[in-house]
Structures are given as structure tokens and as C-alpha cells.
Amino acid sequence: MKTDIHPQYHQTTIQCACGNVLEVGSTKADIRVEICSKCHPFFTGKQKLVDTAGRIERFRKKYEKFQQKKEKPN
């Protein structure tokens, strides 16, 4: 390796807003994050389900005029 071109690599802590602290190696001295695997809804199982059926119906209702125009010439 070339000398004096690589950043300093040292042990640091990642602190989450929920209070979780992780020890990792990084080039940054102190890392603070808003969300981590301990408090993220995907990992905790408290994920909200999105009503995709409602979105699809709204889309079809909005563009059904265009579908009718395409079906008539056939």
C-alpha cells in the first residue's frame, strides 16, 4: 500500500436515536443514525401494510376512459 493516501481506520461507535449502540470499524470517528435494525419496522415486525388494492382501483377508475377508446376500434 502507498503511504499517506489512505484514511485512518479505527474502532468507532454507531449511536441510534432509539439508544442502541454498535461497535464497528470505520473511517469516521462518531456516527449517529436515526434508525437502526433494532427499531426499524421491517426488522421489528411492526410494518404497516399498504392498501395496494385501493390504489389499483383508483388508477383503473382514473384511466378507464382511455381503455374504452382503445377497445372500440378492434
PDB file of N, CA and C in Angstrom:
ATOM      1  N   MET A   1       0.830  -1.189   0.000  1.00  0.00           N
ATOM      2  CA  MET A   1       0.000   0.000   0.000  1.00  0.00           C
ATOM      3  C   MET A   1       0.874   1.252   0.000  1.00  0.00           C
ATOM      4  N   LYS A   2       0.366   2.270  -0.637  1.00  0.00           N
ATOM      5  CA  LYS A   2       1.068   3.544  -0.613  1.00  0.00           C
ATOM      6  C   LYS A   2       0.848   4.194   0.744  1.00  0.00           C
ATOM      7  N   THR A   3       1.820   4.912   1.196  1.00  0.00           N
ATOM      8  CA  THR A   3       1.700   5.577   2.488  1.00  0.00           C
ATOM      9  C   THR A   3       1.069   6.958   2.320  1.00  0.00           C
ATOM     10  N   ASP A   4       0.378   7.383   3.346  1.00  0.00           N
ATOM     11  CA  ASP A   4      -0.224   8.720   3.449  1.00  0.00           C
ATOM     12  C   ASP A   4      -1.355   9.014   2.454  1.00  0.00           C
ATOM     13  N   ILE A   5      -1.955   7.996   1.833  1.00  0.00           N
ATOM     14  CA  ILE A   5      -3.098   8.268   0.958  1.00  0.00           C
ATOM     15  C   ILE A   5      -4.388   7.637   1.483  1.00  0.00           C
ATOM     16  N   HIS A   6      -4.294   6.737   2.432  1.00  0.00           N
ATOM     17  CA  HIS A   6      -5.466   6.042   2.947  1.00  0.00           C
ATOM     18  C   HIS A   6      -5.977   6.727   4.211  1.00  0.00           C
ATOM     19  N   PRO A   7      -7.286   6.763   4.409  1.00  0.00           N
ATOM     20  CA  PRO A   7      -7.837   7.398   5.610  1.00  0.00           C
ATOM     21  C   PRO A   7      -7.561   6.549   6.853  1.00  0.00           C
ATOM     22  N   GLN A   8      -7.609   7.178   8.002  1.00  0.00           N
ATOM     23  CA  GLN A   8      -7.434   6.471   9.274  1.00  0.00           C
ATOM     24  C   GLN A   8      -8.610   5.532   9.495  1.00  0.00           C
ATOM     25  N   TYR A   9      -8.341   4.297   9.840  1.00  0.00           N
ATOM     26  CA  TYR A   9      -9.379   3.301  10.106  1.00  0.00           C
ATOM     27  C   TYR A   9      -9.269   2.916  11.578  1.00  0.00           C
ATOM     28  N   HIS A  10     -10.360   3.111  12.333  1.00  0.00           N
ATOM     29  CA  HIS A  10     -10.317   2.818  13.751  1.00  0.00           C
ATOM     30  C   HIS A  10     -11.682   2.337  14.253  1.00  0.00           C
ATOM     31  N   GLN A  11     -11.712   1.794  15.450  1.00  0.00           N
ATOM     32  CA  GLN A  11     -12.956   1.345  16.073  1.00  0.00           C
ATOM     33  C   GLN A  11     -13.784   2.568  16.472  1.00  0.00           C
ATOM     34  N   THR A  12     -15.063   2.525  16.169  1.00  0.00           N
ATOM     35  CA  THR A  12     -15.962   3.625  16.489  1.00  0.00           C
ATOM     36  C   THR A  12     -17.301   3.066  16.937  1.00  0.00           C
ATOM     37  N   THR A  13     -18.158   3.929  17.421  1.00  0.00           N
ATOM     38  CA  THR A  13     -19.491   3.518  17.848  1.00  0.00           C
ATOM     39  C   THR A  13     -20.533   4.176  16.971  1.00  0.00           C
ATOM     40  N   ILE A  14     -21.580   3.412  16.667  1.00  0.00           N
ATOM     41  CA  ILE A  14     -22.738   3.945  15.960  1.00  0.00           C
ATOM     42  C   ILE A  14     -23.837   4.075  16.993  1.00  0.00           C
ATOM     43  N   GLN A  15     -24.373   5.277  17.144  1.00  0.00           N
ATOM     44  CA  GLN A  15     -25.426   5.528  18.128  1.00  0.00           C
ATOM     45  C   GLN A  15     -26.722   5.838  17.397  1.00  0.00           C
ATOM     46  N   CYS A  16     -27.765   5.085  17.720  1.00  0.00           N
ATOM     47  CA  CYS A  16     -29.078   5.280  17.116  1.00  0.00           C
ATOM     48  C   CYS A  16     -29.916   6.179  18.015  1.00  0.00           C
ATOM     49  N   ALA A  17     -30.933   6.802  17.452  1.00  0.00           N
ATOM     50  CA  ALA A  17     -31.835   7.650  18.221  1.00  0.00           C
ATOM     51  C   ALA A  17     -32.618   6.841  19.252  1.00  0.00           C
ATOM     52  N   CYS A  18     -32.802   5.538  19.019  1.00  0.00           N
ATOM     53  CA  CYS A  18     -33.533   4.692  19.966  1.00  0.00           C
ATOM     54  C   CYS A  18     -32.676   4.307  21.170  1.00  0.00           C
ATOM     55  N   GLY A  19     -31.361   4.573  21.103  1.00  0.00           N
ATOM     56  CA  GLY A  19     -30.475   4.248  22.207  1.00  0.00           C
ATOM     57  C   GLY A  19     -29.555   3.068  21.946  1.00  0.00           C
ATOM     58  N   ASN A  20     -29.728   2.391  20.852  1.00  0.00           N
ATOM     59  CA  ASN A  20     -28.893   1.250  20.509  1.00  0.00           C
ATOM     60  C   ASN A  20     -27.482   1.728  20.140  1.00  0.00           C
ATOM     61  N   VAL A  21     -26.458   1.045  20.630  1.00  0.00           N
ATOM     62  CA  VAL A  21     -25.068   1.400  20.348  1.00  0.00           C
ATOM     63  C   VAL A  21     -24.374   0.183  19.750  1.00  0.00           C
ATOM     64  N   LEU A  22     -23.692   0.371  18.621  1.00  0.00           N
ATOM     65  CA  LEU A  22     -22.966  -0.691  17.937  1.00  0.00           C
ATOM     66  C   LEU A  22     -21.495  -0.320  17.842  1.00  0.00           C
ATOM     67  N   GLU A  23     -20.621  -1.276  18.057  1.00  0.00           N
ATOM     68  CA  GLU A  23     -19.176  -1.082  17.909  1.00  0.00           C
ATOM     69  C   GLU A  23     -18.765  -1.632  16.546  1.00  0.00           C
ATOM     70  N   VAL A  24     -18.185  -0.785  15.705  1.00  0.00           N
ATOM     71  CA  VAL A  24     -17.765  -1.188  14.366  1.00  0.00           C
ATOM     72  C   VAL A  24     -16.454  -0.511  14.010  1.00  0.00           C
ATOM     73  N   GLY A  25     -15.861  -0.939  12.923  1.00  0.00           N
ATOM     74  CA  GLY A  25     -14.689  -0.282  12.382  1.00  0.00           C
ATOM     75  C   GLY A  25     -15.112   0.670  11.285  1.00  0.00           C
ATOM     76  N   SER A  26     -14.545   1.879  11.273  1.00  0.00           N
ATOM     77  CA  SER A  26     -14.935   2.870  10.283  1.00  0.00           C
ATOM     78  C   SER A  26     -13.844   3.913  10.123  1.00  0.00           C
ATOM     79  N   THR A  27     -13.972   4.709   9.076  1.00  0.00           N
ATOM     80  CA  THR A  27     -13.055   5.817   8.877  1.00  0.00           C
ATOM     81  C   THR A  27     -13.563   7.078   9.574  1.00  0.00           C
ATOM     82  N   LYS A  28     -14.808   7.068  10.030  1.00  0.00           N
ATOM     83  CA  LYS A  28     -15.367   8.206  10.762  1.00  0.00           C
ATOM     84  C   LYS A  28     -15.256   7.939  12.256  1.00  0.00           C
ATOM     85  N   ALA A  29     -15.108   9.006  13.027  1.00  0.00           N
ATOM     86  CA  ALA A  29     -14.893   8.860  14.462  1.00  0.00           C
ATOM     87  C   ALA A  29     -16.190   8.589  15.214  1.00  0.00           C
ATOM     88  N   ASP A  30     -17.251   9.284  14.892  1.00  0.00           N
ATOM     89  CA  ASP A  30     -18.509   9.135  15.624  1.00  0.00           C
ATOM     90  C   ASP A  30     -19.654   9.151  14.630  1.00  0.00           C
ATOM     91  N   ILE A  31     -20.523   8.137  14.676  1.00  0.00           N
ATOM     92  CA  ILE A  31     -21.629   8.030  13.729  1.00  0.00           C
ATOM     93  C   ILE A  31     -22.932   8.012  14.509  1.00  0.00           C
ATOM     94  N   ARG A  32     -23.856   8.869  14.111  1.00  0.00           N
ATOM     95  CA  ARG A  32     -25.187   8.901  14.720  1.00  0.00           C
ATOM     96  C   ARG A  32     -26.225   8.688  13.619  1.00  0.00           C
ATOM     97  N   VAL A  33     -27.169   7.777  13.867  1.00  0.00           N
ATOM     98  CA  VAL A  33     -28.215   7.475  12.897  1.00  0.00           C
ATOM     99  C   VAL A  33     -29.577   7.634  13.539  1.00  0.00           C
ATOM    100  N   GLU A  34     -30.598   7.831  12.720  1.00  0.00           N
ATOM    101  CA  GLU A  34     -31.954   7.999  13.224  1.00  0.00           C
ATOM    102  C   GLU A  34     -32.666   6.671  13.417  1.00  0.00           C
ATOM    103  N   ILE A  35     -32.292   5.668  12.626  1.00  0.00           N
ATOM    104  CA  ILE A  35     -32.997   4.384  12.685  1.00  0.00           C
ATOM    105  C   ILE A  35     -31.991   3.259  12.464  1.00  0.00           C
ATOM    106  N   CYS A  36     -32.182   2.155  13.168  1.00  0.00           N
ATOM    107  CA  CYS A  36     -31.275   1.007  13.053  1.00  0.00           C
ATOM    108  C   CYS A  36     -32.103  -0.273  12.967  1.00  0.00           C
ATOM    109  N   SER A  37     -31.439  -1.412  12.923  1.00  0.00           N
ATOM    110  CA  SER A  37     -32.149  -2.682  12.805  1.00  0.00           C
ATOM    111  C   SER A  37     -32.944  -3.009  14.072  1.00  0.00           C
ATOM    112  N   LYS A  38     -32.618  -2.402  15.188  1.00  0.00           N
ATOM    113  CA  LYS A  38     -33.348  -2.655  16.430  1.00  0.00           C
ATOM    114  C   LYS A  38     -34.704  -1.934  16.448  1.00  0.00           C
ATOM    115  N   CYS A  39     -34.809  -0.801  15.761  1.00  0.00           N
ATOM    116  CA  CYS A  39     -36.049  -0.025  15.813  1.00  0.00           C
ATOM    117  C   CYS A  39     -36.738   0.117  14.453  1.00  0.00           C
ATOM    118  N   HIS A  40     -36.153  -0.397  13.369  1.00  0.00           N
ATOM    119  CA  HIS A  40     -36.767  -0.284  12.047  1.00  0.00           C
ATOM    120  C   HIS A  40     -37.983  -1.209  11.956  1.00  0.00           C
ATOM    121  N   PRO A  41     -39.112  -0.719  11.402  1.00  0.00           N
ATOM    122  CA  PRO A  41     -40.332  -1.541  11.332  1.00  0.00           C
ATOM    123  C   PRO A  41     -40.169  -2.853  10.581  1.00  0.00           C
ATOM    124  N   PHE A  42     -39.312  -2.915   9.595  1.00  0.00           N
ATOM    125  CA  PHE A  42     -39.109  -4.158   8.853  1.00  0.00           C
ATOM    126  C   PHE A  42     -38.529  -5.240   9.754  1.00  0.00           C
ATOM    127  N   PHE A  43     -37.583  -4.887  10.594  1.00  0.00           N
ATOM    128  CA  PHE A  43     -36.923  -5.858  11.451  1.00  0.00           C
ATOM    129  C   PHE A  43     -37.711  -6.157  12.723  1.00  0.00           C
ATOM    130  N   THR A  44     -38.533  -5.213  13.190  1.00  0.00           N
ATOM    131  CA  THR A  44     -39.283  -5.423  14.427  1.00  0.00           C
ATOM    132  C   THR A  44     -40.606  -6.141  14.193  1.00  0.00           C
ATOM    133  N   GLY A  45     -41.067  -6.224  12.943  1.00  0.00           N
ATOM    134  CA  GLY A  45     -42.325  -6.895  12.651  1.00  0.00           C
ATOM    135  C   GLY A  45     -43.533  -5.994  12.801  1.00  0.00           C
ATOM    136  N   LYS A  46     -43.329  -4.718  13.014  1.00  0.00           N
ATOM    137  CA  LYS A  46     -44.432  -3.772  13.159  1.00  0.00           C
ATOM    138  C   LYS A  46     -44.652  -2.979  11.879  1.00  0.00           C
ATOM    139  N   GLN A  47     -44.406  -3.628  10.767  1.00  0.00           N
ATOM    140  CA  GLN A  47     -44.510  -2.977   9.472  1.00  0.00           C
ATOM    141  C   GLN A  47     -45.972  -2.787   9.094  1.00  0.00           C
ATOM    142  N   LYS A  48     -46.315  -1.623   8.564  1.00  0.00           N
ATOM    143  CA  LYS A  48     -47.678  -1.339   8.137  1.00  0.00           C
ATOM    144  C   LYS A  48     -47.900  -1.913   6.745  1.00  0.00           C
ATOM    145  N   LEU A  49     -49.088  -2.435   6.523  1.00  0.00           N
ATOM    146  CA  LEU A  49     -49.437  -2.938   5.206  1.00  0.00           C
ATOM    147  C   LEU A  49     -50.074  -1.810   4.406  1.00  0.00           C
ATOM    148  N   VAL A  50     -49.646  -1.665   3.177  1.00  0.00           N
ATOM    149  CA  VAL A  50     -50.158  -0.610   2.315  1.00  0.00           C
ATOM    150  C   VAL A  50     -51.363  -1.152   1.557  1.00  0.00           C
ATOM    151  N   ASP A  51     -52.396  -0.352   1.445  1.00  0.00           N
ATOM    152  CA  ASP A  51     -53.605  -0.749   0.747  1.00  0.00           C
ATOM    153  C   ASP A  51     -53.376  -0.619  -0.756  1.00  0.00           C
ATOM    154  N   THR A  52     -52.748  -1.624  -1.350  1.00  0.00           N
ATOM    155  CA  THR A  52     -52.457  -1.554  -2.773  1.00  0.00           C
ATOM    156  C   THR A  52     -53.711  -1.759  -3.613  1.00  0.00           C
ATOM    157  N   ALA A  53     -54.685  -2.493  -3.105  1.00  0.00           N
ATOM    158  CA  ALA A  53     -55.917  -2.716  -3.867  1.00  0.00           C
ATOM    159  C   ALA A  53     -56.631  -1.398  -4.103  1.00  0.00           C
ATOM    160  N   GLY A  54     -56.663  -0.540  -3.124  1.00  0.00           N
ATOM    161  CA  GLY A  54     -57.293   0.769  -3.280  1.00  0.00           C
ATOM    162  C   GLY A  54     -56.576   1.621  -4.302  1.00  0.00           C
ATOM    163  N   ARG A  55     -55.278   1.538  -4.333  1.00  0.00           N
ATOM    164  CA  ARG A  55     -54.503   2.312  -5.300  1.00  0.00           C
ATOM    165  C   ARG A  55     -54.748   1.819  -6.714  1.00  0.00           C
ATOM    166  N   ILE A  56     -54.828   0.519  -6.878  1.00  0.00           N
ATOM    167  CA  ILE A  56     -55.056  -0.052  -8.204  1.00  0.00           C
ATOM    168  C   ILE A  56     -56.438   0.339  -8.711  1.00  0.00           C
ATOM    169  N   GLU A  57     -57.432   0.266  -7.847  1.00  0.00           N
ATOM    170  CA  GLU A  57     -58.789   0.635  -8.250  1.00  0.00           C
ATOM    171  C   GLU A  57     -58.874   2.109  -8.634  1.00  0.00           C
ATOM    172  N   ARG A  58     -58.210   2.966  -7.880  1.00  0.00           N
ATOM    173  CA  ARG A  58     -58.204   4.393  -8.221  1.00  0.00           C
ATOM    174  C   ARG A  58     -57.556   4.619  -9.574  1.00  0.00           C
ATOM    175  N   PHE A  59     -56.466   3.910  -9.862  1.00  0.00           N
ATOM    176  CA  PHE A  59     -55.776   4.042 -11.142  1.00  0.00           C
ATOM    177  C   PHE A  59     -56.686   3.590 -12.283  1.00  0.00           C
ATOM    178  N   ARG A  60     -57.327   2.445 -12.118  1.00  0.00           N
ATOM    179  CA  ARG A  60     -58.214   1.935 -13.173  1.00  0.00           C
ATOM    180  C   ARG A  60     -59.391   2.870 -13.418  1.00  0.00           C
ATOM    181  N   LYS A  61     -59.954   3.421 -12.354  1.00  0.00           N
ATOM    182  CA  LYS A  61     -61.078   4.347 -12.481  1.00  0.00           C
ATOM    183  C   LYS A  61     -60.646   5.616 -13.211  1.00  0.00           C
ATOM    184  N   LYS A  62     -59.449   6.091 -12.906  1.00  0.00           N
ATOM    185  CA  LYS A  62     -58.937   7.316 -13.498  1.00  0.00           C
ATOM    186  C   LYS A  62     -58.687   7.157 -14.997  1.00  0.00           C
ATOM    187  N   TYR A  63     -58.198   5.979 -15.418  1.00  0.00           N
ATOM    188  CA  TYR A  63     -57.822   5.772 -16.809  1.00  0.00           C
ATOM    189  C   TYR A  63     -58.763   4.848 -17.571  1.00  0.00           C
ATOM    190  N   GLU A  64     -59.972   4.626 -17.072  1.00  0.00           N
ATOM    191  CA  GLU A  64     -60.866   3.724 -17.801  1.00  0.00           C
ATOM    192  C   GLU A  64     -61.367   4.345 -19.099  1.00  0.00           C
ATOM    193  N   LYS A  65     -61.389   5.670 -19.212  1.00  0.00           N
ATOM    194  CA  LYS A  65     -61.783   6.320 -20.468  1.00  0.00           C
ATOM    195  C   LYS A  65     -60.812   5.950 -21.586  1.00  0.00           C
ATOM    196  N   PHE A  66     -59.524   5.933 -21.293  1.00  0.00           N
ATOM    197  CA  PHE A  66     -58.521   5.607 -22.289  1.00  0.00           C
ATOM    198  C   PHE A  66     -58.630   4.147 -22.709  1.00  0.00           C
ATOM    199  N   GLN A  67     -58.968   3.262 -21.787  1.00  0.00           N
ATOM    200  CA  GLN A  67     -59.125   1.849 -22.106  1.00  0.00           C
ATOM    201  C   GLN A  67     -60.325   1.639 -23.022  1.00  0.00           C
ATOM    202  N   GLN A  68     -61.419   2.357 -22.792  1.00  0.00           N
ATOM    203  CA  GLN A  68     -62.615   2.208 -23.614  1.00  0.00           C
ATOM    204  C   GLN A  68     -62.354   2.670 -25.045  1.00  0.00           C
ATOM    205  N   LYS A  69     -61.593   3.742 -25.230  1.00  0.00           N
ATOM    206  CA  LYS A  69     -61.270   4.238 -26.559  1.00  0.00           C
ATOM    207  C   LYS A  69     -60.433   3.234 -27.339  1.00  0.00           C
ATOM    208  N   LYS A  70     -59.527   2.563 -26.671  1.00  0.00           N
ATOM    209  CA  LYS A  70     -58.672   1.578 -27.338  1.00  0.00           C
ATOM    210  C   LYS A  70     -59.450   0.321 -27.706  1.00  0.00           C
ATOM    211  N   GLU A  71     -60.461  -0.047 -26.940  1.00  0.00           N
ATOM    212  CA  GLU A  71     -61.226  -1.267 -27.190  1.00  0.00           C
ATOM    213  C   GLU A  71     -62.206  -1.109 -28.347  1.00  0.00           C
ATOM    214  N   LYS A  72     -62.756   0.069 -28.602  1.00  0.00           N
ATOM    215  CA  LYS A  72     -63.757   0.285 -29.637  1.00  0.00           C
ATOM    216  C   LYS A  72     -63.260   0.011 -31.054  1.00  0.00           C
ATOM    217  N   PRO A  73     -62.075   0.458 -31.476  1.00  0.00           N
ATOM    218  CA  PRO A  73     -61.644   0.212 -32.864  1.00  0.00           C
ATOM    219  C   PRO A  73     -61.452  -1.256 -33.193  1.00  0.00           C
ATOM    220  N   ASN A  74     -61.213  -2.109 -32.268  1.00  0.00           N
ATOM    221  CA  ASN A  74     -60.972  -3.532 -32.551  1.00  0.00           C
ATOM    222  C   ASN A  74     -62.234  -4.168 -32.880  1.00  0.00           C
TER     223      ASN A  74
END
